[in-house]
Amino acid sequence: KNQIRLAGSKTVARPEFREIAPFQFFDYEQIWGIAGETTLKRTSIHNADLRYEYYPKSGEIISLGIMAKQFDDPIEIRMDPGSNGDRWLFNYANADKALLYGVEFEIRKSMDFISEKLSKLIFVGNATFLKSEVTIVSQSNTNVKTEVDRPLYGQSPYLINAGFQYSNKSWNMTALYNRIGPR
């Protein structure tokens, strides 16, 4: 009924085609130009995870976990110095390093504890809260070294998913809610 898991791993994230493409394309959603960078390095990621899981009965789970990730050479999007007020230009570059850590809560529970008539209705949900920081060391046009620490590009500080699943012998139905923080 109870389980504690500790996991560690090392993974890589290789650049996508658009990140290494040797040309510029226009992003119509963001209204800016983005150029690929052929010299991008792959990102090396060290992962650690500690999780407590409780199984009230078959098909149900309540869990709480903490996680951490260390990134070497994370791929970030950066504004090109050639940008101006009429046209923004961006490109991809490897940052020095990044760190992400967070906590996650997950539940899958039948509603039969309210009434036996609700035994085929299951609540599912999870919430994840994250903090990330990327370290960028760059040279400006004046050869002055600058250091900027900020959250990872595109990383949301929280994710929330919740919903209900109903299932019988002939059909299934699911209603879900999803919310993510600013990225």
Protein backbone atom coordinates (compact mmCIF):
# COMPACT_ATOMS: atom_id res chain seq x y z
CA LYS A 1 0.00 0.00 0.00
CA ASN A 2 2.97 2.33 0.50
CA GLN A 3 6.05 2.86 -1.59
CA ILE A 4 9.02 5.21 -1.49
CA ARG A 5 10.95 5.63 -4.72
CA LEU A 6 14.31 7.28 -5.27
CA ALA A 7 15.50 7.67 -8.85
CA GLY A 8 18.40 9.26 -10.63
CA SER A 9 19.29 9.41 -14.28
CA LYS A 10 21.25 11.27 -16.90
CA THR A 11 19.57 12.26 -20.15
CA VAL A 12 20.30 14.49 -23.14
CA ALA A 13 18.20 16.92 -25.14
CA ARG A 14 19.37 17.28 -28.71
CA PRO A 15 18.64 20.43 -30.73
CA GLU A 16 15.49 20.30 -32.86
CA PHE A 17 15.69 21.02 -36.60
CA ARG A 18 14.41 24.60 -36.26
CA GLU A 19 17.03 25.28 -33.56
CA ILE A 20 19.97 24.19 -35.77
CA ALA A 21 18.58 25.20 -39.19
CA PRO A 22 21.09 27.50 -40.98
CA PHE A 23 18.40 30.01 -41.97
CA GLN A 24 15.90 32.46 -40.49
CA PHE A 25 12.13 31.88 -40.46
CA PHE A 26 9.23 34.08 -39.41
CA ASP A 27 7.06 33.17 -36.40
CA TYR A 28 3.58 34.43 -37.29
CA GLU A 29 2.22 33.87 -33.77
CA GLN A 30 4.91 35.93 -32.03
CA ILE A 31 5.53 38.29 -34.99
CA TRP A 32 9.30 37.96 -34.98
CA GLY A 33 12.12 36.35 -36.95
CA ILE A 34 14.04 33.38 -35.56
CA ALA A 35 17.34 32.01 -36.86
CA GLY A 36 18.76 28.58 -36.14
CA GLU A 37 22.33 28.09 -34.92
CA THR A 38 24.37 25.27 -36.47
CA THR A 39 26.93 25.20 -33.60
CA LEU A 40 24.46 24.34 -30.81
CA LYS A 41 25.59 21.66 -28.36
CA ARG A 42 23.25 19.05 -26.93
CA THR A 43 21.98 19.64 -23.40
CA SER A 44 23.13 17.20 -20.71
CA ILE A 45 20.60 16.74 -17.89
CA HIS A 46 21.12 15.12 -14.47
CA ASN A 47 17.76 14.12 -12.89
CA ALA A 48 16.88 13.22 -9.29
CA ASP A 49 13.44 12.26 -7.98
CA LEU A 50 12.12 11.23 -4.54
CA ARG A 51 8.48 10.11 -4.34
CA TYR A 52 6.13 8.71 -1.70
CA GLU A 53 3.15 6.75 -3.07
CA TYR A 54 0.09 5.45 -1.22
CA TYR A 55 -2.36 3.03 -2.86
CA PRO A 56 -5.70 3.10 -0.96
CA LYS A 57 -7.09 0.30 -3.19
CA SER A 58 -6.69 -1.11 -6.69
CA GLY A 59 -6.60 1.65 -9.32
CA GLU A 60 -6.13 4.47 -6.80
CA ILE A 61 -3.04 6.46 -5.88
CA ILE A 62 -2.06 9.43 -3.76
CA SER A 63 1.54 10.54 -4.19
CA LEU A 64 3.88 13.36 -3.29
CA GLY A 65 7.25 13.84 -4.93
CA ILE A 66 10.18 16.23 -5.12
CA MET A 67 12.48 16.55 -8.12
CA ALA A 68 15.62 18.33 -9.25
CA LYS A 69 17.30 18.68 -12.65
CA GLN A 70 20.70 20.14 -13.47
CA PHE A 71 21.20 21.22 -17.10
CA ASP A 72 24.59 21.71 -18.76
CA ASP A 73 24.45 23.79 -21.98
CA PRO A 74 20.64 24.32 -22.03
CA ILE A 75 19.32 25.67 -25.33
CA GLU A 76 17.80 29.13 -24.92
CA ILE A 77 16.25 31.66 -27.25
CA ARG A 78 18.00 35.06 -27.26
CA MET A 79 17.30 38.43 -28.84
CA ASP A 80 19.68 39.23 -31.69
CA PRO A 81 21.59 42.53 -31.26
CA GLY A 82 20.42 43.48 -34.77
CA SER A 83 16.82 43.78 -33.55
CA ASN A 84 15.05 47.12 -33.68
CA GLY A 85 11.62 48.53 -32.83
CA ASP A 86 10.23 47.55 -36.25
CA ARG A 87 11.60 44.03 -36.39
CA TRP A 88 12.59 41.70 -33.59
CA LEU A 89 15.09 38.99 -34.40
CA PHE A 90 15.91 36.00 -32.19
CA ASN A 91 18.32 33.09 -32.35
CA TYR A 92 19.12 30.00 -30.33
CA ALA A 93 22.19 29.66 -28.12
CA ASN A 94 23.53 27.42 -25.37
CA ALA A 95 23.43 28.96 -21.91
CA ASP A 96 26.08 27.95 -19.39
CA LYS A 97 23.90 25.94 -16.98
CA ALA A 98 20.44 25.76 -15.43
CA LEU A 99 18.80 24.27 -12.36
CA LEU A 100 15.17 23.22 -11.97
CA TYR A 101 13.54 21.88 -8.83
CA GLY A 102 9.97 21.33 -7.77
CA VAL A 103 7.27 19.40 -5.98
CA GLU A 104 4.41 17.35 -7.43
CA PHE A 105 1.18 16.02 -5.93
CA GLU A 106 -0.94 13.40 -7.72
CA ILE A 107 -4.25 11.74 -6.89
CA ARG A 108 -6.52 9.16 -8.54
CA LYS A 109 -9.47 8.33 -6.28
CA SER A 110 -12.90 6.75 -6.77
CA MET A 111 -15.83 8.82 -5.50
CA ASP A 112 -17.38 5.75 -3.82
CA PHE A 113 -16.42 7.13 -0.40
CA ILE A 114 -19.23 9.71 -0.90
CA SER A 115 -21.82 7.20 -2.14
CA GLU A 116 -21.66 3.67 -3.61
CA LYS A 117 -23.64 5.05 -6.59
CA LEU A 118 -20.52 7.07 -7.50
CA SER A 119 -18.22 4.03 -7.63
CA LYS A 120 -17.68 4.39 -11.41
CA LEU A 121 -16.74 8.08 -11.11
CA ILE A 122 -13.03 8.72 -10.49
CA PHE A 123 -11.33 12.00 -9.65
CA VAL A 124 -7.88 12.50 -11.19
CA GLY A 125 -5.58 15.40 -10.54
CA ASN A 126 -2.03 16.56 -10.21
CA ALA A 127 -0.31 19.80 -9.38
CA THR A 128 3.34 20.62 -10.02
CA PHE A 129 5.18 23.67 -8.72
CA LEU A 130 8.58 24.43 -10.23
CA LYS A 131 11.40 26.92 -9.85
CA SER A 132 14.12 27.21 -12.45
CA GLU A 133 17.14 29.37 -12.96
CA VAL A 134 19.38 29.60 -16.00
CA THR A 135 22.83 31.16 -15.89
CA ILE A 136 23.88 33.02 -19.00
CA VAL A 137 27.40 34.37 -19.40
CA SER A 138 27.86 36.38 -22.58
CA GLN A 139 30.11 38.93 -24.19
CA SER A 140 28.53 42.19 -25.34
CA ASN A 141 29.72 44.28 -28.29
CA THR A 142 31.91 46.27 -25.88
CA ASN A 143 33.65 43.07 -24.67
CA VAL A 144 32.21 43.58 -21.19
CA LYS A 145 31.27 40.28 -19.59
CA THR A 146 27.66 40.24 -18.37
CA GLU A 147 25.90 37.66 -16.22
CA VAL A 148 22.12 37.28 -16.13
CA ASP A 149 20.18 34.73 -14.07
CA ARG A 150 16.49 34.17 -14.88
CA PRO A 151 13.96 31.31 -15.23
CA LEU A 152 14.43 28.83 -18.08
CA TYR A 153 12.86 30.02 -21.34
CA GLY A 154 9.37 28.52 -21.71
CA GLN A 155 9.28 27.02 -18.18
CA SER A 156 6.02 27.51 -16.31
CA PRO A 157 6.19 27.94 -12.50
CA TYR A 158 3.14 25.69 -12.04
CA LEU A 159 0.92 23.15 -13.83
CA ILE A 160 -2.48 22.00 -12.59
CA ASN A 161 -4.55 19.17 -14.09
CA ALA A 162 -7.85 17.93 -12.66
CA GLY A 163 -10.78 15.96 -13.97
CA PHE A 164 -13.34 13.24 -13.62
CA GLN A 165 -13.51 9.93 -15.43
CA TYR A 166 -16.68 7.87 -15.72
CA SER A 167 -16.52 4.35 -17.03
CA ASN A 168 -18.95 1.48 -17.47
CA LYS A 169 -18.97 -1.66 -19.65
CA SER A 170 -20.03 0.08 -22.87
CA TRP A 171 -18.57 3.62 -22.78
CA ASN A 172 -16.13 6.02 -21.08
CA MET A 173 -16.26 9.77 -20.52
CA THR A 174 -13.61 12.17 -19.23
CA ALA A 175 -13.82 15.87 -18.35
CA LEU A 176 -10.48 17.60 -17.75
CA TYR A 177 -9.24 20.99 -16.57
CA ASN A 178 -5.71 22.23 -17.24
CA ARG A 179 -3.93 25.39 -16.12
CA ILE A 180 -0.32 26.46 -16.59
CA GLY A 181 1.46 29.51 -15.25
CA PRO A 182 3.13 32.21 -17.34
CA ARG A 183 6.06 31.07 -19.46
